[in-house]
Amino acid sequence: MTDVHPPLRTFGRLRSRTIKPRQAALMTTLLPTVATPDGPFDPADLEPTAEAVWLEIGFGGGEHLAAQAARRPDLLILGAEPFLNGVASALRHIEEAGLTNVRLHAGDARDLMAALPDACLDRMFILFPDPWPKARHNKRRLIQPEFIAAAARVMKPGATLRFATDWADYADQALALFGRSTDFVWLAERANDWRTPPADHITTRYEDKRLGDCAPIWLDFRRAA
């Protein structure tokens, strides 16, 4: 069987530093209980009473994912993150908040999406993904035509997708690629819609570091019917 996408490329290793003992223990004890199933699955089977299913791609340390899950216990929130340190951090947030409506995939989000059925997601977040700022590395960015098509497949008509970046050319590229897709509609009506953090956003540690070349840009899209 051949891969359906290129191998995951990252800035560094999938584990960049030693995981703290408490978080390492959670990788053994908690992660198996909140991990997404192996192979194809329907999120509705994991939480039959959930009113909606959200997915956060590249949740970093898990602050945003955990805070959104705490705000909305009526939802099921899936999260995908390839860095083990981020997964371990998210587990700490899950344990401290006593969250029961989160499921994690410790790996490439594209593999998780491939395991999902059509039109099963109500919302998707892609917040500050690896920017690959050098022009020769742009092809390694997550937002590509193939990814947009995969996102369209798993999102319900009317579902929303939020992309945020602090690299100006990545925002331009993402907007151009989504604009070429007939599956998504950009929701901005005025400049503040992409310049101002949305009312329901939770600021993360990465965002506070201001590592990009511009202020954060927020692009919200709706899955067309």
Protein backbone atom coordinates (compact mmCIF):
# COMPACT_ATOMS: atom_id res chain seq x y z
CA MET A 1 0.00 0.00 0.00
CA THR A 2 1.46 3.39 -0.95
CA ASP A 3 1.23 6.59 1.12
CA VAL A 4 -1.60 8.92 0.16
CA HIS A 5 0.50 11.95 1.05
CA PRO A 6 4.21 12.83 1.32
CA PRO A 7 5.93 11.97 4.60
CA LEU A 8 5.47 14.50 7.38
CA ARG A 9 8.23 17.13 7.35
CA THR A 10 8.87 19.31 10.39
CA PHE A 11 11.34 21.88 11.65
CA GLY A 12 12.86 19.41 14.07
CA ARG A 13 12.41 16.11 15.79
CA LEU A 14 9.04 14.79 16.86
CA ARG A 15 10.31 15.08 20.42
CA SER A 16 12.46 18.17 20.98
CA ARG A 17 13.21 17.84 24.68
CA THR A 18 12.82 15.39 27.54
CA ILE A 19 9.19 15.01 28.55
CA LYS A 20 8.58 15.85 32.20
CA PRO A 21 7.96 12.82 34.44
CA ARG A 22 4.34 13.70 35.18
CA GLN A 23 3.54 14.19 31.51
CA ALA A 24 5.47 11.03 30.58
CA ALA A 25 3.28 9.11 32.99
CA LEU A 26 0.17 10.53 31.33
CA MET A 27 1.44 9.29 27.97
CA THR A 28 1.20 5.80 29.46
CA THR A 29 -1.92 6.10 31.56
CA LEU A 30 -4.18 8.77 30.02
CA LEU A 31 -3.31 8.78 26.34
CA PRO A 32 -4.63 5.25 25.66
CA THR A 33 -8.02 6.30 27.07
CA VAL A 34 -8.33 9.47 24.94
CA ALA A 35 -6.55 8.35 21.76
CA THR A 36 -8.53 8.18 18.55
CA PRO A 37 -9.11 4.63 17.28
CA ASP A 38 -6.75 2.94 14.87
CA GLY A 39 -8.20 2.69 11.39
CA PRO A 40 -11.41 4.23 10.04
CA PHE A 41 -13.95 5.45 12.59
CA ASP A 42 -16.96 7.72 12.94
CA PRO A 43 -16.60 10.40 15.64
CA ALA A 44 -20.32 10.08 16.34
CA ASP A 45 -19.62 6.60 17.72
CA LEU A 46 -17.15 7.99 20.28
CA GLU A 47 -19.59 10.48 21.82
CA PRO A 48 -23.13 9.70 20.60
CA THR A 49 -24.60 12.58 22.61
CA ALA A 50 -22.18 15.23 21.31
CA GLU A 51 -23.98 18.08 19.56
CA ALA A 52 -21.09 18.67 17.13
CA VAL A 53 -17.56 17.50 16.32
CA TRP A 54 -14.61 19.88 16.01
CA LEU A 55 -11.04 19.15 14.90
CA GLU A 56 -7.91 21.12 15.78
CA ILE A 57 -4.92 20.40 13.56
CA GLY A 58 -1.52 20.98 15.15
CA PHE A 59 -2.73 21.84 18.65
CA GLY A 60 0.76 22.65 19.96
CA GLY A 61 0.73 22.59 23.75
CA GLY A 62 -3.01 22.01 23.84
CA GLU A 63 -4.04 25.28 25.51
CA HIS A 64 -6.55 26.27 22.84
CA LEU A 65 -7.93 22.76 22.43
CA ALA A 66 -8.43 22.24 26.17
CA ALA A 67 -9.97 25.67 26.72
CA GLN A 68 -12.43 25.18 23.88
CA ALA A 69 -13.34 21.74 25.22
CA ALA A 70 -13.91 23.18 28.70
CA ARG A 71 -16.13 25.93 27.27
CA ARG A 72 -18.19 23.46 25.27
CA PRO A 73 -18.65 20.16 27.14
CA ASP A 74 -21.52 19.42 24.77
CA LEU A 75 -19.04 18.93 21.90
CA LEU A 76 -16.51 16.28 20.94
CA ILE A 77 -13.18 17.86 20.04
CA LEU A 78 -10.55 15.91 18.12
CA GLY A 79 -6.94 17.05 18.10
CA ALA A 80 -3.96 16.03 15.97
CA GLU A 81 -0.34 16.86 16.81
CA PRO A 82 2.85 15.08 15.65
CA PHE A 83 5.14 16.46 18.40
CA LEU A 84 5.14 14.23 21.46
CA ASN A 85 5.95 17.15 23.75
CA GLY A 86 2.77 18.87 22.59
CA VAL A 87 0.72 15.72 23.11
CA ALA A 88 2.15 15.32 26.61
CA SER A 89 1.32 18.97 27.41
CA ALA A 90 -2.23 18.55 26.12
CA LEU A 91 -2.70 15.50 28.34
CA ARG A 92 -1.76 17.62 31.36
CA HIS A 93 -4.42 20.18 30.41
CA ILE A 94 -6.99 17.41 29.90
CA GLU A 95 -6.25 15.88 33.28
CA GLU A 96 -6.23 19.19 35.17
CA ALA A 97 -9.55 20.27 33.67
CA GLY A 98 -11.14 16.83 33.99
CA LEU A 99 -12.10 16.86 30.31
CA THR A 100 -13.98 13.90 28.89
CA ASN A 101 -14.86 15.33 25.48
CA VAL A 102 -11.41 15.30 23.86
CA ARG A 103 -9.76 12.66 21.67
CA LEU A 104 -6.15 12.94 20.50
CA HIS A 105 -4.22 11.66 17.50
CA ALA A 106 -0.49 11.70 18.17
CA GLY A 107 0.59 11.96 14.55
CA ASP A 108 -0.04 13.50 11.15
CA ALA A 109 -3.46 15.14 10.91
CA ARG A 110 -3.80 13.97 7.33
CA ASP A 111 -3.81 10.35 8.52
CA LEU A 112 -6.55 11.17 11.01
CA MET A 113 -8.60 12.93 8.35
CA ALA A 114 -8.23 9.96 6.01
CA ALA A 115 -9.78 7.76 8.71
CA LEU A 116 -12.89 9.94 9.05
CA PRO A 117 -16.12 9.51 7.08
CA ASP A 118 -17.49 12.14 4.74
CA ALA A 119 -19.20 15.22 6.20
CA CYS A 120 -18.59 14.43 9.87
CA LEU A 121 -16.98 17.66 11.15
CA ASP A 122 -18.73 20.86 12.15
CA ARG A 123 -15.61 22.97 12.65
CA MET A 124 -11.86 22.88 12.00
CA PHE A 125 -9.01 24.93 13.46
CA ILE A 126 -5.54 25.31 11.90
CA LEU A 127 -3.79 27.80 14.14
CA PHE A 128 -0.23 28.90 13.40
CA PRO A 129 0.98 25.81 11.52
CA ASP A 130 4.66 25.42 10.59
CA PRO A 131 5.25 28.33 8.20
CA TRP A 132 8.23 26.97 6.28
CA PRO A 133 9.25 30.58 5.52
CA LYS A 134 11.93 29.87 2.93
CA ALA A 135 10.48 29.94 -0.59
CA ARG A 136 12.07 26.62 -1.51
CA HIS A 137 10.26 25.00 1.44
CA ASN A 138 6.78 26.40 0.75
CA LYS A 139 5.72 23.09 -0.76
CA ARG A 140 6.04 21.56 2.72
CA ARG A 141 3.30 23.78 4.13
CA LEU A 142 0.12 22.04 5.24
CA ILE A 143 -2.19 24.22 3.18
CA GLN A 144 -2.04 22.74 -0.31
CA PRO A 145 -4.80 21.93 -2.84
CA GLU A 146 -4.80 18.29 -1.76
CA PHE A 147 -5.29 19.22 1.88
CA ILE A 148 -8.12 21.64 1.05
CA ALA A 149 -9.89 18.88 -0.88
CA ALA A 150 -9.46 16.49 2.05
CA ALA A 151 -10.82 19.10 4.46
CA ALA A 152 -13.83 19.67 2.23
CA ARG A 153 -14.56 15.95 2.22
CA VAL A 154 -14.75 15.57 5.99
CA MET A 155 -16.58 18.85 6.72
CA LYS A 156 -20.34 19.23 6.71
CA PRO A 157 -21.96 21.82 4.45
CA GLY A 158 -21.95 25.04 6.45
CA ALA A 159 -19.08 23.91 8.69
CA THR A 160 -16.41 26.53 9.39
CA LEU A 161 -12.63 26.42 9.13
CA ARG A 162 -10.32 28.90 10.87
CA PHE A 163 -6.75 29.36 9.63
CA ALA A 164 -4.38 31.67 11.51
CA THR A 165 -0.77 32.56 10.79
CA ASP A 166 1.74 35.26 11.64
CA TRP A 167 3.57 34.96 8.31
CA ALA A 168 2.19 37.32 5.68
CA ASP A 169 3.07 35.24 2.63
CA TYR A 170 1.51 32.12 4.17
CA ALA A 171 -1.71 34.06 4.70
CA ASP A 172 -1.58 35.20 1.07
CA GLN A 173 -0.91 31.67 -0.13
CA ALA A 174 -3.68 30.13 1.97
CA LEU A 175 -6.19 32.75 0.88
CA ALA A 176 -5.30 32.20 -2.77
CA LEU A 177 -5.59 28.42 -2.51
CA PHE A 178 -8.88 28.46 -0.63
CA GLY A 179 -10.11 31.07 -3.11
CA ARG A 180 -9.51 28.67 -5.99
CA SER A 181 -11.59 25.99 -4.30
CA THR A 182 -15.32 25.93 -4.99
CA ASP A 183 -15.80 24.14 -1.66
CA PHE A 184 -15.04 27.10 0.62
CA VAL A 185 -16.27 30.68 1.02
CA TRP A 186 -14.18 33.33 2.78
CA LEU A 187 -16.33 34.98 5.46
CA ALA A 188 -14.49 38.30 5.88
CA GLU A 189 -16.48 41.46 5.18
CA ARG A 190 -14.07 44.10 6.51
CA ALA A 191 -10.38 44.40 7.38
CA ASN A 192 -10.93 43.86 11.10
CA ASP A 193 -12.31 40.42 10.31
CA TRP A 194 -8.79 39.21 9.55
CA ARG A 195 -6.82 41.66 11.70
CA THR A 196 -8.62 41.16 15.01
CA PRO A 197 -8.64 37.90 17.00
CA PRO A 198 -12.12 36.34 16.84
CA ALA A 199 -14.23 36.67 19.97
CA ASP A 200 -14.01 32.95 20.74
CA HIS A 201 -10.24 32.66 20.26
CA ILE A 202 -7.95 31.53 23.09
CA THR A 203 -4.41 32.91 22.90
CA THR A 204 -1.64 30.32 23.05
CA ARG A 205 1.97 30.48 24.23
CA TYR A 206 3.20 30.22 20.65
CA GLU A 207 1.08 33.17 19.59
CA ASP A 208 2.49 35.28 22.44
CA LYS A 209 6.05 34.66 21.25
CA ARG A 210 5.46 36.67 18.04
CA LEU A 211 7.84 34.60 15.96
CA GLY A 212 6.40 35.54 12.57
CA ASP A 213 6.93 38.54 10.32
CA CYS A 214 3.51 40.16 10.90
CA ALA A 215 0.69 40.43 13.38
CA PRO A 216 -1.59 37.36 13.43
CA ILE A 217 -3.95 37.07 10.47
CA TRP A 218 -7.27 35.28 10.92
CA LEU A 219 -8.99 33.67 7.95
CA ASP A 220 -12.40 32.09 8.52
CA PHE A 221 -14.02 30.01 5.78
CA ARG A 222 -17.37 28.23 5.45
CA ARG A 223 -17.79 24.89 3.73
CA ALA A 224 -20.06 25.53 0.78
CA ALA A 225 -23.22 23.48 0.37
